C-alpha atoms as a PDB file:
ATOM      1  CA  MET A   1       0.003  -0.109  -0.026  1.00  0.00           C
ATOM      2  CA  LYS A   2       1.314   3.519  -0.975  1.00  0.00           C
ATOM      3  CA  ARG A   3       2.385   5.544   2.016  1.00  0.00           C
ATOM      4  CA  ILE A   4       0.435   8.716   2.101  1.00  0.00           C
ATOM      5  CA  ARG A   5       1.621  10.137   5.422  1.00  0.00           C
ATOM      6  CA  LEU A   6       4.507  12.484   6.287  1.00  0.00           C
ATOM      7  CA  GLU A   7       6.893  11.493   8.952  1.00  0.00           C
ATOM      8  CA  PRO A   8       4.995  11.375  12.289  1.00  0.00           C
ATOM      9  CA  ALA A   9       6.959  14.235  13.722  1.00  0.00           C
ATOM     10  CA  ALA A  10       5.654  16.600  10.948  1.00  0.00           C
ATOM     11  CA  TYR A  11       2.118  16.395  12.360  1.00  0.00           C
ATOM     12  CA  GLN A  12       3.272  17.727  15.668  1.00  0.00           C
ATOM     13  CA  GLN A  13       5.008  20.923  14.537  1.00  0.00           C
ATOM     14  CA  GLY A  14       1.930  23.350  14.684  1.00  0.00           C
ATOM     15  CA  HIS A  15       1.419  23.518  11.021  1.00  0.00           C
ATOM     16  CA  CYS A  16      -1.809  24.218   9.249  1.00  0.00           C
ATOM     17  CA  PHE A  17      -3.197  21.371   7.081  1.00  0.00           C
ATOM     18  CA  SER A  18      -5.845  21.120   4.380  1.00  0.00           C
ATOM     19  CA  VAL A  19      -7.629  17.787   5.078  1.00  0.00           C
ATOM     20  CA  ALA A  20     -10.110  15.863   2.994  1.00  0.00           C
ATOM     21  CA  LEU A  21     -12.065  13.051   4.517  1.00  0.00           C
ATOM     22  CA  ALA A  22     -14.325  10.864   2.322  1.00  0.00           C
ATOM     23  CA  THR A  23     -17.398   9.002   3.410  1.00  0.00           C
ATOM     24  CA  ALA A  24     -17.468   5.225   3.331  1.00  0.00           C
ATOM     25  CA  HIS A  25     -18.378   4.063  -0.190  1.00  0.00           C
ATOM     26  CA  ARG A  26     -18.727   7.737  -1.083  1.00  0.00           C
ATOM     27  CA  ALA A  27     -22.248   7.659   0.363  1.00  0.00           C
ATOM     28  CA  HIS A  28     -24.074  11.009   0.375  1.00  0.00           C
ATOM     29  CA  HIS A  29     -24.490  11.258   4.121  1.00  0.00           C
ATOM     30  CA  PHE A  30     -23.972  15.042   4.191  1.00  0.00           C
ATOM     31  CA  ASN A  31     -27.033  15.762   2.153  1.00  0.00           C
ATOM     32  CA  ASN A  32     -28.831  15.316   5.519  1.00  0.00           C
ATOM     33  CA  ALA A  33     -28.602  18.356   7.600  1.00  0.00           C
ATOM     34  CA  ASP A  34     -28.968  16.435  10.791  1.00  0.00           C
ATOM     35  CA  THR A  35     -25.853  14.357   9.949  1.00  0.00           C
ATOM     36  CA  VAL A  36     -23.866  17.505   9.169  1.00  0.00           C
ATOM     37  CA  ARG A  37     -24.938  19.025  12.493  1.00  0.00           C
ATOM     38  CA  LEU A  38     -23.958  15.753  14.326  1.00  0.00           C
ATOM     39  CA  CYS A  39     -20.530  15.873  12.642  1.00  0.00           C
ATOM     40  CA  LEU A  40     -20.067  19.594  13.182  1.00  0.00           C
ATOM     41  CA  ASP A  41     -20.719  19.191  16.857  1.00  0.00           C
ATOM     42  CA  ALA A  42     -18.179  16.477  16.977  1.00  0.00           C
ATOM     43  CA  LEU A  43     -15.714  18.559  15.160  1.00  0.00           C
ATOM     44  CA  ASN A  44     -16.294  21.478  17.437  1.00  0.00           C
ATOM     45  CA  GLU A  45     -15.669  19.211  20.522  1.00  0.00           C
ATOM     46  CA  THR A  46     -12.575  17.539  19.040  1.00  0.00           C
ATOM     47  CA  ALA A  47     -11.156  21.007  18.218  1.00  0.00           C
ATOM     48  CA  GLY A  48     -11.745  22.099  21.819  1.00  0.00           C
ATOM     49  CA  TRP A  49     -10.021  18.960  23.173  1.00  0.00           C
ATOM     50  CA  TYR A  50      -6.963  19.402  20.994  1.00  0.00           C
ATOM     51  CA  HIS A  51      -6.875  23.228  21.020  1.00  0.00           C
ATOM     52  CA  ALA A  52      -7.040  23.022  17.137  1.00  0.00           C
ATOM     53  CA  SER A  53      -8.234  25.925  14.994  1.00  0.00           C
ATOM     54  CA  VAL A  54     -10.632  24.952  12.308  1.00  0.00           C
ATOM     55  CA  PHE A  55     -10.289  27.854   9.995  1.00  0.00           C
ATOM     56  CA  ALA A  56     -12.630  26.449   7.328  1.00  0.00           C
ATOM     57  CA  TYR A  57     -14.849  23.391   6.849  1.00  0.00           C
ATOM     58  CA  CYS A  58     -17.248  22.358   4.015  1.00  0.00           C
ATOM     59  CA  PHE A  59     -19.382  19.211   4.212  1.00  0.00           C
ATOM     60  CA  MET A  60     -19.884  18.114   0.561  1.00  0.00           C
ATOM     61  CA  PRO A  61     -22.461  15.423  -0.066  1.00  0.00           C
ATOM     62  CA  ASP A  62     -19.814  12.573   0.195  1.00  0.00           C
ATOM     63  CA  HIS A  63     -16.683  14.200   1.843  1.00  0.00           C
ATOM     64  CA  LEU A  64     -15.513  16.871   4.162  1.00  0.00           C
ATOM     65  CA  HIS A  65     -12.790  19.555   3.619  1.00  0.00           C
ATOM     66  CA  LEU A  66     -11.026  21.123   6.642  1.00  0.00           C
ATOM     67  CA  LEU A  67      -8.391  23.756   6.980  1.00  0.00           C
ATOM     68  CA  VAL A  68      -6.981  23.023  10.552  1.00  0.00           C
ATOM     69  CA  ALA A  69      -4.067  23.928  12.585  1.00  0.00           C
ATOM     70  CA  THR A  70      -2.987  22.151  15.749  1.00  0.00           C
ATOM     71  CA  PRO A  71      -0.616  23.623  18.408  1.00  0.00           C
ATOM     72  CA  LEU A  72       2.970  22.615  18.599  1.00  0.00           C
ATOM     73  CA  GLY A  73       3.151  19.049  20.108  1.00  0.00           C
ATOM     74  CA  VAL A  74      -0.459  18.180  19.211  1.00  0.00           C
ATOM     75  CA  ASP A  75      -0.711  15.415  16.572  1.00  0.00           C
ATOM     76  CA  LEU A  76      -2.977  16.284  13.573  1.00  0.00           C
ATOM     77  CA  VAL A  77      -3.485  12.631  12.707  1.00  0.00           C
ATOM     78  CA  GLN A  78      -4.660  11.883  16.329  1.00  0.00           C
ATOM     79  CA  PHE A  79      -7.020  14.979  16.004  1.00  0.00           C
ATOM     80  CA  VAL A  80      -8.539  13.514  12.832  1.00  0.00           C
ATOM     81  CA  ARG A  81      -8.773  10.072  14.159  1.00  0.00           C
ATOM     82  CA  GLN A  82     -10.520  11.305  17.319  1.00  0.00           C
ATOM     83  CA  PHE A  83     -12.976  13.435  15.247  1.00  0.00           C
ATOM     84  CA  LYS A  84     -13.686  10.539  12.902  1.00  0.00           C
ATOM     85  CA  GLN A  85     -14.236   8.103  15.917  1.00  0.00           C
ATOM     86  CA  LEU A  86     -16.463  10.489  17.680  1.00  0.00           C
ATOM     87  CA  SER A  87     -18.617  11.431  14.712  1.00  0.00           C
ATOM     88  CA  ALA A  88     -18.861   7.809  13.477  1.00  0.00           C
ATOM     89  CA  TYR A  89     -19.962   6.650  16.964  1.00  0.00           C
ATOM     90  CA  ARG A  90     -22.623   9.232  17.091  1.00  0.00           C
ATOM     91  CA  PHE A  91     -23.724   8.578  13.546  1.00  0.00           C
ATOM     92  CA  ARG A  92     -24.051   4.837  14.199  1.00  0.00           C
ATOM     93  CA  ARG A  93     -25.981   5.541  17.453  1.00  0.00           C
ATOM     94  CA  GLU A  94     -28.435   8.136  16.185  1.00  0.00           C
ATOM     95  CA  ARG A  95     -28.683   7.635  12.301  1.00  0.00           C
ATOM     96  CA  SER A  96     -27.537   4.368  10.883  1.00  0.00           C
ATOM     97  CA  SER A  97     -25.464   1.248  11.370  1.00  0.00           C
ATOM     98  CA  VAL A  98     -23.522   1.847   8.189  1.00  0.00           C
ATOM     99  CA  PRO A  99     -19.896   3.126   8.346  1.00  0.00           C
ATOM    100  CA  LEU A 100     -19.596   6.855   8.073  1.00  0.00           C
ATOM    101  CA  TRP A 101     -15.880   7.366   6.981  1.00  0.00           C
ATOM    102  CA  GLN A 102     -13.360   5.771   4.839  1.00  0.00           C
ATOM    103  CA  ALA A 103     -10.381   4.561   6.778  1.00  0.00           C
ATOM    104  CA  ARG A 104      -7.843   6.791   5.190  1.00  0.00           C
ATOM    105  CA  PHE A 105      -7.826  10.510   4.598  1.00  0.00           C
ATOM    106  CA  TYR A 106      -5.766  13.174   2.658  1.00  0.00           C
ATOM    107  CA  ASP A 107      -3.734  15.822   4.063  1.00  0.00           C
ATOM    108  CA  HIS A 108      -1.684  18.658   2.682  1.00  0.00           C
ATOM    109  CA  ALA A 109       0.642  20.826   4.986  1.00  0.00           C
ATOM    110  CA  LEU A 110       0.407  24.467   3.951  1.00  0.00           C
ATOM    111  CA  ARG A 111       3.647  25.900   2.628  1.00  0.00           C
ATOM    112  CA  SER A 112       4.849  29.157   3.729  1.00  0.00           C
ATOM    113  CA  ASP A 113       3.809  30.652   0.439  1.00  0.00           C
ATOM    114  CA  GLU A 114       0.240  29.591   0.643  1.00  0.00           C
ATOM    115  CA  SER A 115      -2.250  32.010   2.158  1.00  0.00           C
ATOM    116  CA  LEU A 116      -4.427  30.729   4.960  1.00  0.00           C
ATOM    117  CA  LEU A 117      -7.330  32.856   3.688  1.00  0.00           C
ATOM    118  CA  ASP A 118      -6.967  31.859   0.034  1.00  0.00           C
ATOM    119  CA  VAL A 119      -7.040  28.185   0.998  1.00  0.00           C
ATOM    120  CA  ALA A 120     -10.047  28.722   3.192  1.00  0.00           C
ATOM    121  CA  ARG A 121     -11.791  30.488   0.333  1.00  0.00           C
ATOM    122  CA  TYR A 122     -10.935  27.651  -1.995  1.00  0.00           C
ATOM    123  CA  ILE A 123     -12.563  25.252   0.464  1.00  0.00           C
ATOM    124  CA  TRP A 124     -15.623  27.418   0.757  1.00  0.00           C
ATOM    125  CA  GLU A 125     -15.915  27.733  -3.031  1.00  0.00           C
ATOM    126  CA  ASN A 126     -16.184  23.845  -3.450  1.00  0.00           C
ATOM    127  CA  PRO A 127     -20.018  23.935  -3.496  1.00  0.00           C
ATOM    128  CA  VAL A 128     -19.975  26.726  -6.228  1.00  0.00           C
ATOM    129  CA  ARG A 129     -17.502  24.725  -8.362  1.00  0.00           C
ATOM    130  CA  THR A 130     -19.789  21.707  -8.177  1.00  0.00           C
ATOM    131  CA  ALA A 131     -23.009  23.702  -8.862  1.00  0.00           C
ATOM    132  CA  LEU A 132     -24.435  22.986  -5.384  1.00  0.00           C
ATOM    133  CA  ALA A 133     -24.712  26.675  -4.710  1.00  0.00           C
ATOM    134  CA  GLN A 134     -24.542  30.070  -6.565  1.00  0.00           C
ATOM    135  CA  CYS A 135     -22.066  31.515  -3.995  1.00  0.00           C
ATOM    136  CA  PRO A 136     -20.418  30.332  -0.841  1.00  0.00           C
ATOM    137  CA  HIS A 137     -22.872  32.054   1.406  1.00  0.00           C
ATOM    138  CA  ASP A 138     -25.747  30.043  -0.180  1.00  0.00           C
ATOM    139  CA  TYR A 139     -24.401  26.775   0.985  1.00  0.00           C
ATOM    140  CA  PRO A 140     -25.487  25.832   4.528  1.00  0.00           C
ATOM    141  CA  HIS A 141     -22.796  23.264   5.306  1.00  0.00           C
ATOM    142  CA  SER A 142     -19.614  25.339   5.370  1.00  0.00           C
ATOM    143  CA  GLY A 143     -18.062  27.927   7.684  1.00  0.00           C
ATOM    144  CA  SER A 144     -15.330  28.357  10.255  1.00  0.00           C
ATOM    145  CA  LEU A 145     -14.928  27.533  13.844  1.00  0.00           C
ATOM    146  CA  VAL A 146     -12.457  30.426  14.225  1.00  0.00           C
ATOM    147  CA  TRP A 147     -13.806  33.345  12.104  1.00  0.00           C
ATOM    148  CA  GLU A 148     -17.221  34.885  12.339  1.00  0.00           C
ATOM    149  CA  ASP A 149     -17.668  35.195   8.556  1.00  0.00           C
ATOM    150  CA  ILE A 150     -16.360  33.957   5.199  1.00  0.00           C
ATOM    151  CA  ASP A 151     -16.488  37.366   3.405  1.00  0.00           C
ATOM    152  CA  GLY A 152     -12.931  38.262   3.311  1.00  0.00           C
ATOM    153  CA  PRO A 153     -10.110  39.980   5.145  1.00  0.00           C
ATOM    154  CA  GLU A 154     -12.100  42.909   6.222  1.00  0.00           C
ATOM    155  CA  THR A 155     -14.372  40.780   8.277  1.00  0.00           C
ATOM    156  CA  VAL A 156     -12.160  37.734   8.996  1.00  0.00           C
ATOM    157  CA  ARG A 157     -10.230  37.830  12.258  1.00  0.00           C
ATOM    158  CA  VAL A 158      -7.052  35.918  12.439  1.00  0.00           C
END
C-alpha cells in the first residue's frame, strides 16, 4: 500500500493542514442536515479537546474539507482520528449502522507561500464549483470555527 503520510513528527509541528475525508463508499451522508450538525458538533468538541483551530470546513455530499491547525506538540493525525471516531460513533448511534468514514484521509501541509485565507476561500468555493450553490454564502454546510464570517479579510479575524 502506498504511504500517504508524512513522517510522524511533521504532524506535531504546529502546521496548518488542508484535510479531506471521504465517506465510506462515497455515500451522500452530508445531504442530510442532521448528519452535518452531528459531525459539526463532534468537530467542534474535538477541536476544543486538541486546542485546534478549524479555519474552514465544508461538508460536501460525500466528503468533508477542513483547514485546521494544531498547536505545537499536538498530533494532527490523532486529532482527525478522534474526530472521525466520535462522529462515527454518534452517527451509528443516532442515524445508521452503516460506516460513516473511509479509513484513510488526505492531508496537505500548507507551505509558507500559501495564504491561509486563500486556502479557506478555496474550500468554501467547493459547492460553487460543483454547482451546489451560486455563491459560498448560499451553501449551508460550510463555515469556520475560528472566524465569524467568510466574506474576506475585512471581516475575517485571524
